[in-house]
PDB file of N, CA and C in Angstrom:
ATOM      1  N   UNK A   1     -60.195  80.994  -0.932  1.00  0.00           N
ATOM      2  CA  UNK A   1     -59.532  80.495  -1.879  1.00  0.00           C
ATOM      3  C   UNK A   1     -58.202  79.991  -0.740  1.00  0.00           C
ATOM      4  N   UNK A   2     -58.340  81.538   0.019  1.00  0.00           N
ATOM      5  CA  UNK A   2     -57.047  81.520   1.074  1.00  0.00           C
ATOM      6  C   UNK A   2     -57.486  80.344   2.336  1.00  0.00           C
ATOM      7  N   UNK A   3     -58.775  80.071   2.732  1.00  0.00           N
ATOM      8  CA  UNK A   3     -59.267  79.444   3.496  1.00  0.00           C
ATOM      9  C   UNK A   3     -58.919  77.695   3.285  1.00  0.00           C
ATOM     10  N   UNK A   4     -59.228  77.387   1.411  1.00  0.00           N
ATOM     11  CA  UNK A   4     -59.020  75.987   1.051  1.00  0.00           C
ATOM     12  C   UNK A   4     -57.373  76.585   1.556  1.00  0.00           C
ATOM     13  N   UNK A   5     -56.547  76.562   0.772  1.00  0.00           N
ATOM     14  CA  UNK A   5     -55.142  76.882   1.670  1.00  0.00           C
ATOM     15  C   UNK A   5     -54.551  76.212   2.384  1.00  0.00           C
ATOM     16  N   UNK A   6     -54.663  76.781   3.061  1.00  0.00           N
ATOM     17  CA  UNK A   6     -54.675  77.031   4.860  1.00  0.00           C
ATOM     18  C   UNK A   6     -55.219  75.179   5.334  1.00  0.00           C
ATOM     19  N   UNK A   7     -56.246  75.231   4.812  1.00  0.00           N
ATOM     20  CA  UNK A   7     -56.958  73.823   5.394  1.00  0.00           C
ATOM     21  C   UNK A   7     -56.457  72.979   4.568  1.00  0.00           C
ATOM     22  N   UNK A   8     -55.418  72.718   3.598  1.00  0.00           N
ATOM     23  CA  UNK A   8     -54.747  71.702   3.065  1.00  0.00           C
ATOM     24  C   UNK A   8     -53.028  72.084   3.507  1.00  0.00           C
ATOM     25  N   UNK A   9     -52.939  72.760   3.954  1.00  0.00           N
ATOM     26  CA  UNK A   9     -51.911  73.275   5.038  1.00  0.00           C
ATOM     27  C   UNK A   9     -51.947  72.293   6.432  1.00  0.00           C
ATOM     28  N   UNK A  10     -53.035  72.391   7.077  1.00  0.00           N
ATOM     29  CA  UNK A  10     -52.990  71.822   8.045  1.00  0.00           C
ATOM     30  C   UNK A  10     -53.540  70.158   7.619  1.00  0.00           C
ATOM     31  N   UNK A  11     -53.924  69.567   6.969  1.00  0.00           N
ATOM     32  CA  UNK A  11     -53.646  68.708   6.314  1.00  0.00           C
ATOM     33  C   UNK A  11     -52.314  67.478   6.254  1.00  0.00           C
ATOM     34  N   UNK A  12     -51.465  68.624   6.582  1.00  0.00           N
ATOM     35  CA  UNK A  12     -50.381  68.129   5.425  1.00  0.00           C
ATOM     36  C   UNK A  12     -49.691  68.315   6.718  1.00  0.00           C
ATOM     37  N   UNK A  13     -49.817  68.828   7.815  1.00  0.00           N
ATOM     38  CA  UNK A  13     -49.092  69.246   9.446  1.00  0.00           C
ATOM     39  C   UNK A  13     -48.397  70.276   9.637  1.00  0.00           C
ATOM     40  N   UNK A  14     -48.461  71.169   8.440  1.00  0.00           N
ATOM     41  CA  UNK A  14     -47.814  72.462   8.083  1.00  0.00           C
ATOM     42  C   UNK A  14     -47.910  73.793   9.374  1.00  0.00           C
ATOM     43  N   UNK A  15     -46.975  74.547   9.624  1.00  0.00           N
ATOM     44  CA  UNK A  15     -47.231  75.105  11.246  1.00  0.00           C
ATOM     45  C   UNK A  15     -47.073  76.709  10.548  1.00  0.00           C
ATOM     46  N   UNK A  16     -46.923  77.078   9.404  1.00  0.00           N
ATOM     47  CA  UNK A  16     -46.064  77.993   8.830  1.00  0.00           C
ATOM     48  C   UNK A  16     -47.204  78.495   7.608  1.00  0.00           C
ATOM     49  N   UNK A  17     -47.464  79.275   7.292  1.00  0.00           N
ATOM     50  CA  UNK A  17     -47.845  79.631   5.699  1.00  0.00           C
ATOM     51  C   UNK A  17     -46.748  81.460   5.225  1.00  0.00           C
ATOM     52  N   UNK A  18     -46.556  81.098   3.893  1.00  0.00           N
ATOM     53  CA  UNK A  18     -45.588  82.517   4.229  1.00  0.00           C
ATOM     54  C   UNK A  18     -46.240  83.236   2.061  1.00  0.00           C
ATOM     55  N   UNK A  19     -45.733  84.082   2.388  1.00  0.00           N
ATOM     56  CA  UNK A  19     -46.622  85.019   1.387  1.00  0.00           C
ATOM     57  C   UNK A  19     -46.154  85.904   0.190  1.00  0.00           C
ATOM     58  N   UNK A  20     -45.433  86.541  -0.371  1.00  0.00           N
ATOM     59  CA  UNK A  20     -45.178  87.653  -0.748  1.00  0.00           C
ATOM     60  C   UNK A  20     -46.518  88.513  -1.523  1.00  0.00           C
ATOM     61  N   UNK A  21     -46.088  89.340  -1.546  1.00  0.00           N
ATOM     62  CA  UNK A  21     -47.423  90.268  -2.016  1.00  0.00           C
ATOM     63  C   UNK A  21     -46.700  91.916  -2.008  1.00  0.00           C
ATOM     64  N   UNK A  22     -47.179  92.668  -3.020  1.00  0.00           N
ATOM     65  CA  UNK A  22     -46.945  93.832  -3.118  1.00  0.00           C
ATOM     66  C   UNK A  22     -48.022  95.193  -2.549  1.00  0.00           C
ATOM     67  N   UNK A  23     -47.549  96.412  -2.039  1.00  0.00           N
ATOM     68  CA  UNK A  23     -48.487  97.409  -2.047  1.00  0.00           C
ATOM     69  C   UNK A  23     -49.785  97.242  -3.086  1.00  0.00           C
ATOM     70  N   UNK A  24     -50.055  97.038  -3.800  1.00  0.00           N
ATOM     71  CA  UNK A  24     -50.964  97.628  -4.572  1.00  0.00           C
ATOM     72  C   UNK A  24     -51.773  96.750  -5.061  1.00  0.00           C
ATOM     73  N   UNK A  25     -51.775  95.649  -4.128  1.00  0.00           N
ATOM     74  CA  UNK A  25     -52.267  94.245  -4.556  1.00  0.00           C
ATOM     75  C   UNK A  25     -52.917  94.276  -3.134  1.00  0.00           C
ATOM     76  N   UNK A  26     -52.739  93.409  -1.896  1.00  0.00           N
ATOM     77  CA  UNK A  26     -53.935  92.779  -1.003  1.00  0.00           C
ATOM     78  C   UNK A  26     -52.916  92.918   0.205  1.00  0.00           C
ATOM     79  N   UNK A  27     -52.015  93.235   0.624  1.00  0.00           N
ATOM     80  CA  UNK A  27     -51.120  93.506   1.898  1.00  0.00           C
ATOM     81  C   UNK A  27     -52.299  93.472   3.239  1.00  0.00           C
ATOM     82  N   UNK A  28     -53.424  94.316   3.095  1.00  0.00           N
ATOM     83  CA  UNK A  28     -54.411  94.887   4.249  1.00  0.00           C
ATOM     84  C   UNK A  28     -55.190  93.635   4.076  1.00  0.00           C
ATOM     85  N   UNK A  29     -55.754  93.116   2.913  1.00  0.00           N
ATOM     86  CA  UNK A  29     -56.288  91.922   3.484  1.00  0.00           C
ATOM     87  C   UNK A  29     -56.207  90.224   3.986  1.00  0.00           C
ATOM     88  N   UNK A  30     -54.036  90.262   3.742  1.00  0.00           N
ATOM     89  CA  UNK A  30     -53.971  89.393   4.421  1.00  0.00           C
ATOM     90  C   UNK A  30     -53.404  90.163   6.100  1.00  0.00           C
ATOM     91  N   UNK A  31     -53.389  91.033   6.383  1.00  0.00           N
ATOM     92  CA  UNK A  31     -53.613  91.788   7.687  1.00  0.00           C
ATOM     93  C   UNK A  31     -54.486  91.123   8.373  1.00  0.00           C
ATOM     94  N   UNK A  32     -55.939  92.002   7.391  1.00  0.00           N
ATOM     95  CA  UNK A  32     -57.078  91.021   8.372  1.00  0.00           C
ATOM     96  C   UNK A  32     -57.695  89.727   8.505  1.00  0.00           C
ATOM     97  N   UNK A  33     -56.800  89.195   7.539  1.00  0.00           N
ATOM     98  CA  UNK A  33     -57.236  87.732   8.183  1.00  0.00           C
ATOM     99  C   UNK A  33     -55.071  86.593   8.699  1.00  0.00           C
ATOM    100  N   UNK A  34     -54.763  87.459  10.033  1.00  0.00           N
ATOM    101  CA  UNK A  34     -54.324  87.440  10.363  1.00  0.00           C
ATOM    102  C   UNK A  34     -53.104  86.849  10.279  1.00  0.00           C
ATOM    103  N   UNK A  35     -52.678  87.141   9.158  1.00  0.00           N
ATOM    104  CA  UNK A  35     -51.098  87.292   8.368  1.00  0.00           C
ATOM    105  C   UNK A  35     -50.389  88.253   9.435  1.00  0.00           C
ATOM    106  N   UNK A  36     -48.523  87.926   9.330  1.00  0.00           N
ATOM    107  CA  UNK A  36     -48.012  88.970  10.080  1.00  0.00           C
ATOM    108  C   UNK A  36     -47.231  89.309   9.090  1.00  0.00           C
ATOM    109  N   UNK A  37     -46.674  90.926   9.059  1.00  0.00           N
ATOM    110  CA  UNK A  37     -45.209  91.302   7.934  1.00  0.00           C
ATOM    111  C   UNK A  37     -43.716  90.826   8.768  1.00  0.00           C
ATOM    112  N   UNK A  38     -43.345  90.158   7.739  1.00  0.00           N
ATOM    113  CA  UNK A  38     -41.569  89.939   8.233  1.00  0.00           C
ATOM    114  C   UNK A  38     -41.095  90.286   8.203  1.00  0.00           C
ATOM    115  N   UNK A  39     -41.394  91.137   7.100  1.00  0.00           N
ATOM    116  CA  UNK A  39     -40.234  92.144   6.311  1.00  0.00           C
ATOM    117  C   UNK A  39     -40.964  93.209   4.644  1.00  0.00           C
ATOM    118  N   UNK A  40     -40.535  94.111   4.899  1.00  0.00           N
ATOM    119  CA  UNK A  40     -41.382  94.673   4.091  1.00  0.00           C
ATOM    120  C   UNK A  40     -40.251  95.613   3.315  1.00  0.00           C
ATOM    121  N   UNK A  41     -39.869  96.019   2.265  1.00  0.00           N
ATOM    122  CA  UNK A  41     -39.061  96.109   0.764  1.00  0.00           C
ATOM    123  C   UNK A  41     -39.927  97.751   0.522  1.00  0.00           C
ATOM    124  N   UNK A  42     -39.564  98.645   0.922  1.00  0.00           N
ATOM    125  CA  UNK A  42     -39.927 100.240   0.079  1.00  0.00           C
ATOM    126  C   UNK A  42     -39.452 100.268  -1.009  1.00  0.00           C
ATOM    127  N   UNK A  43     -39.633 100.619  -1.718  1.00  0.00           N
ATOM    128  CA  UNK A  43     -39.919 101.610  -3.535  1.00  0.00           C
ATOM    129  C   UNK A  43     -39.397  99.949  -4.345  1.00  0.00           C
ATOM    130  N   UNK A  44     -39.804  98.977  -3.807  1.00  0.00           N
ATOM    131  CA  UNK A  44     -39.195  97.365  -4.455  1.00  0.00           C
ATOM    132  C   UNK A  44     -41.145  96.830  -5.053  1.00  0.00           C
ATOM    133  N   UNK A  45     -40.924  96.031  -5.899  1.00  0.00           N
ATOM    134  CA  UNK A  45     -40.307  96.394  -7.401  1.00  0.00           C
ATOM    135  C   UNK A  45     -40.060  97.542  -7.874  1.00  0.00           C
ATOM    136  N   UNK A  46     -40.783  98.449  -7.307  1.00  0.00           N
ATOM    137  CA  UNK A  46     -41.383  99.732  -8.010  1.00  0.00           C
ATOM    138  C   UNK A  46     -40.657 100.802  -7.192  1.00  0.00           C
ATOM    139  N   UNK A  47     -40.716 102.423  -7.327  1.00  0.00           N
ATOM    140  CA  UNK A  47     -41.122 103.441  -6.975  1.00  0.00           C
ATOM    141  C   UNK A  47     -41.911 103.603  -5.860  1.00  0.00           C
ATOM    142  N   UNK A  48     -42.652 103.755  -5.104  1.00  0.00           N
ATOM    143  CA  UNK A  48     -43.288 103.736  -4.860  1.00  0.00           C
ATOM    144  C   UNK A  48     -44.593 103.340  -4.077  1.00  0.00           C
ATOM    145  N   UNK A  49     -43.709 101.596  -3.847  1.00  0.00           N
ATOM    146  CA  UNK A  49     -44.388 101.037  -3.948  1.00  0.00           C
ATOM    147  C   UNK A  49     -44.126  99.730  -2.382  1.00  0.00           C
ATOM    148  N   UNK A  50     -44.428  98.932  -1.985  1.00  0.00           N
ATOM    149  CA  UNK A  50     -43.136  97.975  -1.397  1.00  0.00           C
ATOM    150  C   UNK A  50     -44.232  96.732  -1.401  1.00  0.00           C
ATOM    151  N   UNK A  51     -42.975  96.147  -1.584  1.00  0.00           N
ATOM    152  CA  UNK A  51     -42.808  94.075  -1.430  1.00  0.00           C
ATOM    153  C   UNK A  51     -42.903  94.068   0.194  1.00  0.00           C
ATOM    154  N   UNK A  52     -44.025  93.548   0.136  1.00  0.00           N
ATOM    155  CA  UNK A  52     -44.033  92.582   1.227  1.00  0.00           C
ATOM    156  C   UNK A  52     -43.843  90.843   1.353  1.00  0.00           C
ATOM    157  N   UNK A  53     -43.152  90.828   2.718  1.00  0.00           N
ATOM    158  CA  UNK A  53     -43.040  89.024   2.852  1.00  0.00           C
ATOM    159  C   UNK A  53     -43.891  88.964   4.541  1.00  0.00           C
ATOM    160  N   UNK A  54     -45.252  88.154   4.004  1.00  0.00           N
ATOM    161  CA  UNK A  54     -45.534  87.537   5.041  1.00  0.00           C
ATOM    162  C   UNK A  54     -46.189  86.392   5.965  1.00  0.00           C
ATOM    163  N   UNK A  55     -46.147  85.998   6.910  1.00  0.00           N
ATOM    164  CA  UNK A  55     -46.867  84.943   7.362  1.00  0.00           C
ATOM    165  C   UNK A  55     -47.853  84.479   8.322  1.00  0.00           C
ATOM    166  N   UNK A  56     -48.255  83.019   9.082  1.00  0.00           N
ATOM    167  CA  UNK A  56     -49.442  83.170   9.316  1.00  0.00           C
ATOM    168  C   UNK A  56     -49.414  81.756   9.726  1.00  0.00           C
ATOM    169  N   UNK A  57     -48.878  81.345  11.642  1.00  0.00           N
ATOM    170  CA  UNK A  57     -48.759  80.892  12.306  1.00  0.00           C
ATOM    171  C   UNK A  57     -49.863  79.910  12.540  1.00  0.00           C
ATOM    172  N   UNK A  58     -50.208  78.114  11.925  1.00  0.00           N
ATOM    173  CA  UNK A  58     -51.505  77.764  11.283  1.00  0.00           C
ATOM    174  C   UNK A  58     -51.647  76.850  12.959  1.00  0.00           C
ATOM    175  N   UNK A  59     -51.133  76.352  13.533  1.00  0.00           N
ATOM    176  CA  UNK A  59     -51.015  75.285  15.020  1.00  0.00           C
ATOM    177  C   UNK A  59     -52.199  76.041  15.576  1.00  0.00           C
TER     178      UNK A  59
END
């Protein structure tokens, strides 16, 4: 699904994909797929979790 989203974005001539995830979801998955962290907010939305804002340059 991620690869399809990247393919569609490239077809639309977009240069950047952004997403949000939470530490108990999949930040490691996105890091393995060359996404970078723009911002990490600790103890959000719950104590002992982090909210990640991530991006990937697809040019």
